[in-house]
Amino acid sequence: MTFNVTEVLEIPIGVGDITVERLLYFVAIITVGVLIARIASINVRRVLAERLPVNERELLAKLVYYGIIIWAFVVALPQLEFDLSGLLVAGGVAGIVIGFASQSVVSNLISGLFLMFEHPIRIGDYINVADVAGSVEDIRVLSTVIKTYDGIYIRIPNEKVFTSNIANYVHNAARRFTYEIRIRHQDDANEAIRIAKEVIETHPFALKNPAPSVFVDNLGDYSVNLTAYIWAPARNWWEVRTDLLWKIKVALEENGIEVPFPQRTVWFADGLEVKGGSGEKNE
């Protein structure tokens, strides 16, 4: 008695015209799909390990895992002689209804995925987006949470974040700020510039590269106006900005250079007489 593999594979299994061969194909496709899904979900977790919190990372990995399995199941169904036409029609109608109902959800989800991979912002960054300024506390699948400088938590849909102009204050390692320093016209501007630069250079967080710059910008009505450009680490920008201004003022005053008050010179025409009031006697 000879063993014929082809005849064995063509044996019906008792369900319609499904044969052993078709059943094996179905199992093989599902098995390969599960393996691909596991590999893809593991890679998603590894790639997003430092970009997303654990909950969002696991959710995205599960979406990828089950999405691939469903795709493999749909591909394998024809092996069981399952007619997909009715399922496709019903799924198409349901998809249209669900699509209209969840349009904003899908848009936020896709925008969240773009934010994850493009990463224009990261958790802990100080940003300004959609007229909201603060630190990024969380980047979720559908929304981004920002903590304002007043301690208020604001949730912004990812679609709005992705389509808005984002000002990221710490994406660059260094950030510049500007001072306008006024001195009197009779003060020595070169000496004021030297003192200001000396104070800036002694500050531990004022960067030497890019170098600070102090110069006479313009001559005002009652003052000589100096402008100072100073670079500081982005994470320490606010502390340096508030600390240096007072130190420069104190150093200038210690050297006799003062900040002027608004003043105006009034010229009287020749021959102007001052007449006495009703309480004065005329002799």
C-alpha atoms as a PDB file:
ATOM      1  CA  MET A   1       0.000   0.000   0.000  1.00  0.00           C
ATOM      2  CA  THR A   2       1.481   3.245  -1.082  1.00  0.00           C
ATOM      3  CA  PHE A   3       1.076   6.569   0.790  1.00  0.00           C
ATOM      4  CA  ASN A   4       0.042   9.467  -1.473  1.00  0.00           C
ATOM      5  CA  VAL A   5       0.406  12.897   0.139  1.00  0.00           C
ATOM      6  CA  THR A   6      -1.678  14.610  -2.543  1.00  0.00           C
ATOM      7  CA  GLU A   7      -4.621  12.311  -1.895  1.00  0.00           C
ATOM      8  CA  VAL A   8      -4.375  12.956   1.847  1.00  0.00           C
ATOM      9  CA  LEU A   9      -4.361  16.734   1.351  1.00  0.00           C
ATOM     10  CA  GLU A  10      -7.414  16.496  -0.890  1.00  0.00           C
ATOM     11  CA  ILE A  11      -9.470  14.596   1.690  1.00  0.00           C
ATOM     12  CA  PRO A  12     -12.581  16.589   2.689  1.00  0.00           C
ATOM     13  CA  ILE A  13     -12.893  17.324   6.426  1.00  0.00           C
ATOM     14  CA  GLY A  14     -16.677  17.169   6.381  1.00  0.00           C
ATOM     15  CA  VAL A  15     -17.423  20.907   6.246  1.00  0.00           C
ATOM     16  CA  GLY A  16     -18.529  21.872   2.739  1.00  0.00           C
ATOM     17  CA  ASP A  17     -15.726  21.398   0.208  1.00  0.00           C
ATOM     18  CA  ILE A  18     -12.945  22.283   2.655  1.00  0.00           C
ATOM     19  CA  THR A  19      -9.997  19.914   2.366  1.00  0.00           C
ATOM     20  CA  VAL A  20      -7.083  19.158   4.636  1.00  0.00           C
ATOM     21  CA  GLU A  21      -4.855  21.234   2.373  1.00  0.00           C
ATOM     22  CA  ARG A  22      -7.058  24.311   2.729  1.00  0.00           C
ATOM     23  CA  LEU A  23      -7.224  23.851   6.477  1.00  0.00           C
ATOM     24  CA  LEU A  24      -3.431  23.641   6.696  1.00  0.00           C
ATOM     25  CA  TYR A  25      -3.101  26.824   4.621  1.00  0.00           C
ATOM     26  CA  PHE A  26      -5.530  28.556   6.953  1.00  0.00           C
ATOM     27  CA  VAL A  27      -3.581  27.491  10.051  1.00  0.00           C
ATOM     28  CA  ALA A  28      -0.267  28.451   8.441  1.00  0.00           C
ATOM     29  CA  ILE A  29      -1.468  31.958   7.529  1.00  0.00           C
ATOM     30  CA  ILE A  30      -2.832  32.531  11.040  1.00  0.00           C
ATOM     31  CA  THR A  31       0.414  31.240  12.600  1.00  0.00           C
ATOM     32  CA  VAL A  32       2.589  33.494  10.434  1.00  0.00           C
ATOM     33  CA  GLY A  33       0.296  36.408  11.216  1.00  0.00           C
ATOM     34  CA  VAL A  34       0.626  35.817  14.975  1.00  0.00           C
ATOM     35  CA  LEU A  35       4.428  35.647  14.686  1.00  0.00           C
ATOM     36  CA  ILE A  36       4.551  38.881  12.668  1.00  0.00           C
ATOM     37  CA  ALA A  37       2.202  40.548  15.158  1.00  0.00           C
ATOM     38  CA  ARG A  38       4.417  39.565  18.102  1.00  0.00           C
ATOM     39  CA  ILE A  39       7.586  40.802  16.398  1.00  0.00           C
ATOM     40  CA  ALA A  40       5.913  44.083  15.392  1.00  0.00           C
ATOM     41  CA  SER A  41       4.520  44.745  18.895  1.00  0.00           C
ATOM     42  CA  ILE A  42       7.919  44.044  20.493  1.00  0.00           C
ATOM     43  CA  ASN A  43       9.593  46.494  18.107  1.00  0.00           C
ATOM     44  CA  VAL A  44       6.922  49.125  18.811  1.00  0.00           C
ATOM     45  CA  ARG A  45       7.601  48.836  22.555  1.00  0.00           C
ATOM     46  CA  ARG A  46      11.353  49.115  22.021  1.00  0.00           C
ATOM     47  CA  VAL A  47      11.197  52.085  19.626  1.00  0.00           C
ATOM     48  CA  LEU A  48       8.768  54.038  21.829  1.00  0.00           C
ATOM     49  CA  ALA A  49      10.378  53.112  25.153  1.00  0.00           C
ATOM     50  CA  GLU A  50      11.701  56.649  25.729  1.00  0.00           C
ATOM     51  CA  ARG A  51       9.055  58.568  23.814  1.00  0.00           C
ATOM     52  CA  LEU A  52       5.795  57.499  25.451  1.00  0.00           C
ATOM     53  CA  PRO A  53       4.549  56.590  28.934  1.00  0.00           C
ATOM     54  CA  VAL A  54       3.983  52.897  29.637  1.00  0.00           C
ATOM     55  CA  ASN A  55       0.182  52.991  29.281  1.00  0.00           C
ATOM     56  CA  GLU A  56       0.176  54.684  25.884  1.00  0.00           C
ATOM     57  CA  ARG A  57       3.062  52.533  24.664  1.00  0.00           C
ATOM     58  CA  GLU A  58       1.248  49.325  25.601  1.00  0.00           C
ATOM     59  CA  LEU A  59      -1.984  50.532  24.012  1.00  0.00           C
ATOM     60  CA  LEU A  60      -0.241  51.290  20.725  1.00  0.00           C
ATOM     61  CA  ALA A  61       1.570  47.927  20.791  1.00  0.00           C
ATOM     62  CA  LYS A  62      -1.755  46.115  21.304  1.00  0.00           C
ATOM     63  CA  LEU A  63      -3.371  48.025  18.439  1.00  0.00           C
ATOM     64  CA  VAL A  64      -0.545  46.932  16.146  1.00  0.00           C
ATOM     65  CA  TYR A  65      -0.690  43.326  17.444  1.00  0.00           C
ATOM     66  CA  TYR A  66      -4.420  42.816  17.018  1.00  0.00           C
ATOM     67  CA  GLY A  67      -4.503  44.779  13.762  1.00  0.00           C
ATOM     68  CA  ILE A  68      -2.031  42.354  12.155  1.00  0.00           C
ATOM     69  CA  ILE A  69      -3.905  39.325  13.511  1.00  0.00           C
ATOM     70  CA  ILE A  70      -7.205  40.597  12.106  1.00  0.00           C
ATOM     71  CA  TRP A  71      -5.507  41.234   8.756  1.00  0.00           C
ATOM     72  CA  ALA A  72      -4.096  37.656   8.745  1.00  0.00           C
ATOM     73  CA  PHE A  73      -7.522  36.242   9.658  1.00  0.00           C
ATOM     74  CA  VAL A  74      -9.184  38.093   6.768  1.00  0.00           C
ATOM     75  CA  VAL A  75      -6.500  36.865   4.370  1.00  0.00           C
ATOM     76  CA  ALA A  76      -6.922  33.276   5.599  1.00  0.00           C
ATOM     77  CA  LEU A  77     -10.738  33.124   5.494  1.00  0.00           C
ATOM     78  CA  PRO A  78     -10.967  32.348   1.739  1.00  0.00           C
ATOM     79  CA  GLN A  79      -9.130  29.087   2.454  1.00  0.00           C
ATOM     80  CA  LEU A  80     -12.245  27.985   4.361  1.00  0.00           C
ATOM     81  CA  GLU A  81     -14.415  29.026   1.378  1.00  0.00           C
ATOM     82  CA  PHE A  82     -15.933  31.828   3.400  1.00  0.00           C
ATOM     83  CA  ASP A  83     -17.730  34.385   1.243  1.00  0.00           C
ATOM     84  CA  LEU A  84     -16.411  37.810   2.230  1.00  0.00           C
ATOM     85  CA  SER A  85     -18.721  39.799  -0.040  1.00  0.00           C
ATOM     86  CA  GLY A  86     -21.552  40.036   2.502  1.00  0.00           C
ATOM     87  CA  LEU A  87     -19.091  40.816   5.283  1.00  0.00           C
ATOM     88  CA  LEU A  88     -17.424  43.481   3.190  1.00  0.00           C
ATOM     89  CA  VAL A  89     -20.739  45.159   2.356  1.00  0.00           C
ATOM     90  CA  ALA A  90     -21.850  45.145   5.977  1.00  0.00           C
ATOM     91  CA  GLY A  91     -18.417  46.276   7.097  1.00  0.00           C
ATOM     92  CA  GLY A  92     -18.400  49.066   4.523  1.00  0.00           C
ATOM     93  CA  VAL A  93     -21.750  50.423   5.692  1.00  0.00           C
ATOM     94  CA  ALA A  94     -20.724  50.150   9.330  1.00  0.00           C
ATOM     95  CA  GLY A  95     -17.389  51.757   8.525  1.00  0.00           C
ATOM     96  CA  ILE A  96     -19.075  54.770   6.917  1.00  0.00           C
ATOM     97  CA  VAL A  97     -21.373  55.249   9.899  1.00  0.00           C
ATOM     98  CA  ILE A  98     -18.586  54.824  12.426  1.00  0.00           C
ATOM     99  CA  GLY A  99     -16.284  57.018  10.335  1.00  0.00           C
ATOM    100  CA  PHE A 100     -18.659  59.968  10.454  1.00  0.00           C
ATOM    101  CA  ALA A 101     -19.311  59.433  14.151  1.00  0.00           C
ATOM    102  CA  SER A 102     -15.656  59.145  15.120  1.00  0.00           C
ATOM    103  CA  GLN A 103     -14.026  61.482  12.610  1.00  0.00           C
ATOM    104  CA  SER A 104     -12.425  63.668  15.291  1.00  0.00           C
ATOM    105  CA  VAL A 105     -11.269  60.618  17.255  1.00  0.00           C
ATOM    106  CA  VAL A 106      -9.543  59.123  14.221  1.00  0.00           C
ATOM    107  CA  SER A 107      -8.015  62.480  13.338  1.00  0.00           C
ATOM    108  CA  ASN A 108      -6.638  62.869  16.869  1.00  0.00           C
ATOM    109  CA  LEU A 109      -5.337  59.301  16.802  1.00  0.00           C
ATOM    110  CA  ILE A 110      -3.487  59.800  13.508  1.00  0.00           C
ATOM    111  CA  SER A 111      -2.134  63.161  14.680  1.00  0.00           C
ATOM    112  CA  GLY A 112      -0.942  61.498  17.891  1.00  0.00           C
ATOM    113  CA  LEU A 113       0.926  58.879  15.870  1.00  0.00           C
ATOM    114  CA  PHE A 114       2.597  61.613  13.800  1.00  0.00           C
ATOM    115  CA  LEU A 115       3.592  63.436  16.993  1.00  0.00           C
ATOM    116  CA  MET A 116       5.100  60.234  18.390  1.00  0.00           C
ATOM    117  CA  PHE A 117       7.275  59.618  15.367  1.00  0.00           C
ATOM    118  CA  GLU A 118       8.116  63.200  14.409  1.00  0.00           C
ATOM    119  CA  HIS A 119       8.535  64.197  18.111  1.00  0.00           C
ATOM    120  CA  PRO A 120       8.476  67.997  17.746  1.00  0.00           C
ATOM    121  CA  ILE A 121       7.772  67.996  21.473  1.00  0.00           C
ATOM    122  CA  ARG A 122       8.796  65.740  24.326  1.00  0.00           C
ATOM    123  CA  ILE A 123       7.610  65.271  27.869  1.00  0.00           C
ATOM    124  CA  GLY A 124       9.170  68.019  30.007  1.00  0.00           C
ATOM    125  CA  ASP A 125       9.599  70.525  27.151  1.00  0.00           C
ATOM    126  CA  TYR A 126       8.485  74.125  27.653  1.00  0.00           C
ATOM    127  CA  ILE A 127       6.304  75.038  24.704  1.00  0.00           C
ATOM    128  CA  ASN A 128       3.660  77.416  23.412  1.00  0.00           C
ATOM    129  CA  VAL A 129       0.986  75.843  21.241  1.00  0.00           C
ATOM    130  CA  ALA A 130      -2.558  77.006  20.434  1.00  0.00           C
ATOM    131  CA  ASP A 131      -2.042  80.021  22.739  1.00  0.00           C
ATOM    132  CA  VAL A 132      -1.233  77.730  25.669  1.00  0.00           C
ATOM    133  CA  ALA A 133       2.218  78.032  27.259  1.00  0.00           C
ATOM    134  CA  GLY A 134       3.697  75.623  29.769  1.00  0.00           C
ATOM    135  CA  SER A 135       5.499  72.299  30.175  1.00  0.00           C
ATOM    136  CA  VAL A 136       4.479  69.080  28.418  1.00  0.00           C
ATOM    137  CA  GLU A 137       3.277  66.668  31.088  1.00  0.00           C
ATOM    138  CA  ASP A 138       1.997  63.839  28.897  1.00  0.00           C
ATOM    139  CA  ILE A 139       1.594  62.909  25.228  1.00  0.00           C
ATOM    140  CA  ARG A 140      -1.310  60.514  24.904  1.00  0.00           C
ATOM    141  CA  VAL A 141      -2.753  58.722  21.915  1.00  0.00           C
ATOM    142  CA  LEU A 142      -5.597  61.239  21.483  1.00  0.00           C
ATOM    143  CA  SER A 143      -4.445  64.313  23.369  1.00  0.00           C
ATOM    144  CA  THR A 144      -1.502  66.195  24.873  1.00  0.00           C
ATOM    145  CA  VAL A 145      -1.517  67.473  28.453  1.00  0.00           C
ATOM    146  CA  ILE A 146       0.246  70.773  29.214  1.00  0.00           C
ATOM    147  CA  LYS A 147       0.869  72.222  32.657  1.00  0.00           C
ATOM    148  CA  THR A 148       0.793  76.017  32.480  1.00  0.00           C
ATOM    149  CA  TYR A 149       3.140  78.233  34.453  1.00  0.00           C
ATOM    150  CA  ASP A 150       0.230  78.868  36.838  1.00  0.00           C
ATOM    151  CA  GLY A 151      -0.023  75.159  37.626  1.00  0.00           C
ATOM    152  CA  ILE A 152      -3.147  74.521  35.542  1.00  0.00           C
ATOM    153  CA  TYR A 153      -3.389  71.315  33.513  1.00  0.00           C
ATOM    154  CA  ILE A 154      -4.821  71.751  30.017  1.00  0.00           C
ATOM    155  CA  ARG A 155      -5.708  68.929  27.638  1.00  0.00           C
ATOM    156  CA  ILE A 156      -5.301  69.772  23.944  1.00  0.00           C
ATOM    157  CA  PRO A 157      -6.498  67.379  21.180  1.00  0.00           C
ATOM    158  CA  ASN A 158      -3.570  66.038  19.176  1.00  0.00           C
ATOM    159  CA  GLU A 159      -5.070  67.274  15.903  1.00  0.00           C
ATOM    160  CA  LYS A 160      -4.915  70.849  17.196  1.00  0.00           C
ATOM    161  CA  VAL A 161      -1.365  70.356  18.451  1.00  0.00           C
ATOM    162  CA  PHE A 162      -0.164  68.871  15.174  1.00  0.00           C
ATOM    163  CA  THR A 163      -1.756  71.520  12.959  1.00  0.00           C
ATOM    164  CA  SER A 164      -0.714  74.521  15.092  1.00  0.00           C
ATOM    165  CA  ASN A 165       2.555  76.426  15.185  1.00  0.00           C
ATOM    166  CA  ILE A 166       4.611  75.020  18.060  1.00  0.00           C
ATOM    167  CA  ALA A 167       7.157  77.193  19.848  1.00  0.00           C
ATOM    168  CA  ASN A 168       9.520  74.833  21.678  1.00  0.00           C
ATOM    169  CA  TYR A 169      11.631  76.879  24.081  1.00  0.00           C
ATOM    170  CA  VAL A 170      14.027  74.085  25.050  1.00  0.00           C
ATOM    171  CA  HIS A 171      14.448  72.170  21.786  1.00  0.00           C
ATOM    172  CA  ASN A 172      17.668  74.132  21.226  1.00  0.00           C
ATOM    173  CA  ALA A 173      20.245  73.777  23.996  1.00  0.00           C
ATOM    174  CA  ALA A 174      20.734  77.568  24.274  1.00  0.00           C
ATOM    175  CA  ARG A 175      18.263  80.430  24.328  1.00  0.00           C
ATOM    176  CA  ARG A 176      18.844  84.165  24.041  1.00  0.00           C
ATOM    177  CA  PHE A 177      17.257  87.007  25.974  1.00  0.00           C
ATOM    178  CA  THR A 178      17.552  90.785  25.618  1.00  0.00           C
ATOM    179  CA  TYR A 179      17.986  93.666  28.046  1.00  0.00           C
ATOM    180  CA  GLU A 180      17.484  97.355  27.348  1.00  0.00           C
ATOM    181  CA  ILE A 181      19.694  99.357  29.734  1.00  0.00           C
ATOM    182  CA  ARG A 182      19.310 103.145  30.001  1.00  0.00           C
ATOM    183  CA  ILE A 183      22.074 105.410  31.291  1.00  0.00           C
ATOM    184  CA  ARG A 184      22.359 109.197  31.552  1.00  0.00           C
ATOM    185  CA  HIS A 185      23.758 111.211  28.658  1.00  0.00           C
ATOM    186  CA  GLN A 186      26.618 112.447  30.859  1.00  0.00           C
ATOM    187  CA  ASP A 187      27.676 108.900  31.826  1.00  0.00           C
ATOM    188  CA  ASP A 188      30.480 107.073  30.024  1.00  0.00           C
ATOM    189  CA  ALA A 189      28.809 104.568  27.689  1.00  0.00           C
ATOM    190  CA  ASN A 190      32.043 102.613  27.114  1.00  0.00           C
ATOM    191  CA  GLU A 191      32.483 102.182  30.869  1.00  0.00           C
ATOM    192  CA  ALA A 192      28.863 101.047  31.215  1.00  0.00           C
ATOM    193  CA  ILE A 193      29.377  98.469  28.459  1.00  0.00           C
ATOM    194  CA  ARG A 194      32.562  97.206  30.137  1.00  0.00           C
ATOM    195  CA  ILE A 195      30.843  96.820  33.511  1.00  0.00           C
ATOM    196  CA  ALA A 196      27.818  95.048  32.028  1.00  0.00           C
ATOM    197  CA  LYS A 197      30.013  92.592  30.117  1.00  0.00           C
ATOM    198  CA  GLU A 198      32.072  91.923  33.235  1.00  0.00           C
ATOM    199  CA  VAL A 199      28.962  91.067  35.255  1.00  0.00           C
ATOM    200  CA  ILE A 200      27.651  88.827  32.475  1.00  0.00           C
ATOM    201  CA  GLU A 201      30.952  86.969  32.057  1.00  0.00           C
ATOM    202  CA  THR A 202      31.147  86.185  35.789  1.00  0.00           C
ATOM    203  CA  HIS A 203      27.701  84.586  35.854  1.00  0.00           C
ATOM    204  CA  PRO A 204      28.032  80.762  35.922  1.00  0.00           C
ATOM    205  CA  PHE A 205      25.152  80.140  33.500  1.00  0.00           C
ATOM    206  CA  ALA A 206      25.740  82.943  31.000  1.00  0.00           C
ATOM    207  CA  LEU A 207      27.189  81.229  27.936  1.00  0.00           C
ATOM    208  CA  LYS A 208      30.479  82.310  26.408  1.00  0.00           C
ATOM    209  CA  ASN A 209      29.590  80.677  23.095  1.00  0.00           C
ATOM    210  CA  PRO A 210      27.513  82.232  21.651  1.00  0.00           C
ATOM    211  CA  ALA A 211      29.190  85.244  23.235  1.00  0.00           C
ATOM    212  CA  PRO A 212      27.163  88.011  24.886  1.00  0.00           C
ATOM    213  CA  SER A 213      26.918  91.366  23.172  1.00  0.00           C
ATOM    214  CA  VAL A 214      26.398  94.827  24.720  1.00  0.00           C
ATOM    215  CA  PHE A 215      26.268  97.965  22.565  1.00  0.00           C
ATOM    216  CA  VAL A 216      24.751 101.436  22.225  1.00  0.00           C
ATOM    217  CA  ASP A 217      21.485 100.935  20.383  1.00  0.00           C
ATOM    218  CA  ASN A 218      20.023 104.422  20.203  1.00  0.00           C
ATOM    219  CA  LEU A 219      19.949 107.860  21.843  1.00  0.00           C
ATOM    220  CA  GLY A 220      16.718 108.571  23.666  1.00  0.00           C
ATOM    221  CA  ASP A 221      15.196 111.848  24.789  1.00  0.00           C
ATOM    222  CA  TYR A 222      16.668 111.581  28.262  1.00  0.00           C
ATOM    223  CA  SER A 223      18.960 108.547  28.124  1.00  0.00           C
ATOM    224  CA  VAL A 224      21.556 106.618  26.155  1.00  0.00           C
ATOM    225  CA  ASN A 225      19.981 103.217  25.456  1.00  0.00           C
ATOM    226  CA  LEU A 226      22.187 100.139  25.586  1.00  0.00           C
ATOM    227  CA  THR A 227      21.078  96.731  24.332  1.00  0.00           C
ATOM    228  CA  ALA A 228      22.462  93.480  25.745  1.00  0.00           C
ATOM    229  CA  TYR A 229      22.101  90.086  24.024  1.00  0.00           C
ATOM    230  CA  ILE A 230      22.805  87.194  26.398  1.00  0.00           C
ATOM    231  CA  TRP A 231      22.658  83.440  25.818  1.00  0.00           C
ATOM    232  CA  ALA A 232      21.869  80.923  28.551  1.00  0.00           C
ATOM    233  CA  PRO A 233      21.054  77.196  28.740  1.00  0.00           C
ATOM    234  CA  ALA A 234      17.432  76.761  27.711  1.00  0.00           C
ATOM    235  CA  ARG A 235      16.570  74.968  30.945  1.00  0.00           C
ATOM    236  CA  ASN A 236      18.021  77.818  33.074  1.00  0.00           C
ATOM    237  CA  TRP A 237      16.908  80.681  30.833  1.00  0.00           C
ATOM    238  CA  TRP A 238      14.369  82.234  33.196  1.00  0.00           C
ATOM    239  CA  GLU A 239      16.609  82.090  36.279  1.00  0.00           C
ATOM    240  CA  VAL A 240      19.541  83.703  34.445  1.00  0.00           C
ATOM    241  CA  ARG A 241      17.333  86.406  32.930  1.00  0.00           C
ATOM    242  CA  THR A 242      15.854  87.465  36.270  1.00  0.00           C
ATOM    243  CA  ASP A 243      19.177  87.242  38.145  1.00  0.00           C
ATOM    244  CA  LEU A 244      21.481  89.147  35.796  1.00  0.00           C
ATOM    245  CA  LEU A 245      19.361  92.262  35.318  1.00  0.00           C
ATOM    246  CA  TRP A 246      19.530  93.262  38.983  1.00  0.00           C
ATOM    247  CA  LYS A 247      23.235  92.472  39.215  1.00  0.00           C
ATOM    248  CA  ILE A 248      23.982  94.727  36.224  1.00  0.00           C
ATOM    249  CA  LYS A 249      21.945  97.570  37.773  1.00  0.00           C
ATOM    250  CA  VAL A 250      23.767  97.289  41.110  1.00  0.00           C
ATOM    251  CA  ALA A 251      27.200  97.160  39.425  1.00  0.00           C
ATOM    252  CA  LEU A 252      26.456 100.259  37.337  1.00  0.00           C
ATOM    253  CA  GLU A 253      25.274 102.258  40.351  1.00  0.00           C
ATOM    254  CA  GLU A 254      28.345 101.224  42.372  1.00  0.00           C
ATOM    255  CA  ASN A 255      30.442 102.864  39.635  1.00  0.00           C
ATOM    256  CA  GLY A 256      28.400 106.062  39.581  1.00  0.00           C
ATOM    257  CA  ILE A 257      26.336 105.207  36.502  1.00  0.00           C
ATOM    258  CA  GLU A 258      22.655 105.682  37.166  1.00  0.00           C
ATOM    259  CA  VAL A 259      19.417 104.886  35.433  1.00  0.00           C
ATOM    260  CA  PRO A 260      17.945 108.304  34.479  1.00  0.00           C
ATOM    261  CA  PHE A 261      14.464 109.536  35.279  1.00  0.00           C
ATOM    262  CA  PRO A 262      12.334 111.055  32.530  1.00  0.00           C
ATOM    263  CA  GLN A 263      13.160 114.767  32.260  1.00  0.00           C
ATOM    264  CA  ARG A 264      12.330 117.635  29.953  1.00  0.00           C
ATOM    265  CA  THR A 265      14.104 120.963  29.337  1.00  0.00           C
ATOM    266  CA  VAL A 266      11.800 123.963  28.926  1.00  0.00           C
ATOM    267  CA  TRP A 267      13.078 127.103  27.182  1.00  0.00           C
ATOM    268  CA  PHE A 268      11.349 130.451  27.833  1.00  0.00           C
ATOM    269  CA  ALA A 269      11.174 133.134  25.175  1.00  0.00           C
ATOM    270  CA  ASP A 270      13.219 136.325  25.757  1.00  0.00           C
ATOM    271  CA  GLY A 271      11.384 139.145  27.580  1.00  0.00           C
ATOM    272  CA  LEU A 272       8.836 136.856  29.223  1.00  0.00           C
ATOM    273  CA  GLU A 273       7.633 138.494  32.447  1.00  0.00           C
ATOM    274  CA  VAL A 274       6.094 136.722  35.367  1.00  0.00           C
ATOM    275  CA  LYS A 275       3.140 138.651  36.697  1.00  0.00           C
ATOM    276  CA  GLY A 276       2.082 138.392  40.299  1.00  0.00           C
ATOM    277  CA  GLY A 277      -1.159 136.829  41.406  1.00  0.00           C
ATOM    278  CA  SER A 278      -4.107 138.525  43.097  1.00  0.00           C
ATOM    279  CA  GLY A 279      -2.404 138.234  46.477  1.00  0.00           C
ATOM    280  CA  GLU A 280       0.643 140.345  45.443  1.00  0.00           C
ATOM    281  CA  LYS A 281       0.907 144.089  45.877  1.00  0.00           C
ATOM    282  CA  ASN A 282       1.880 146.328  42.976  1.00  0.00           C
ATOM    283  CA  GLU A 283       4.192 149.195  43.935  1.00  0.00           C
END
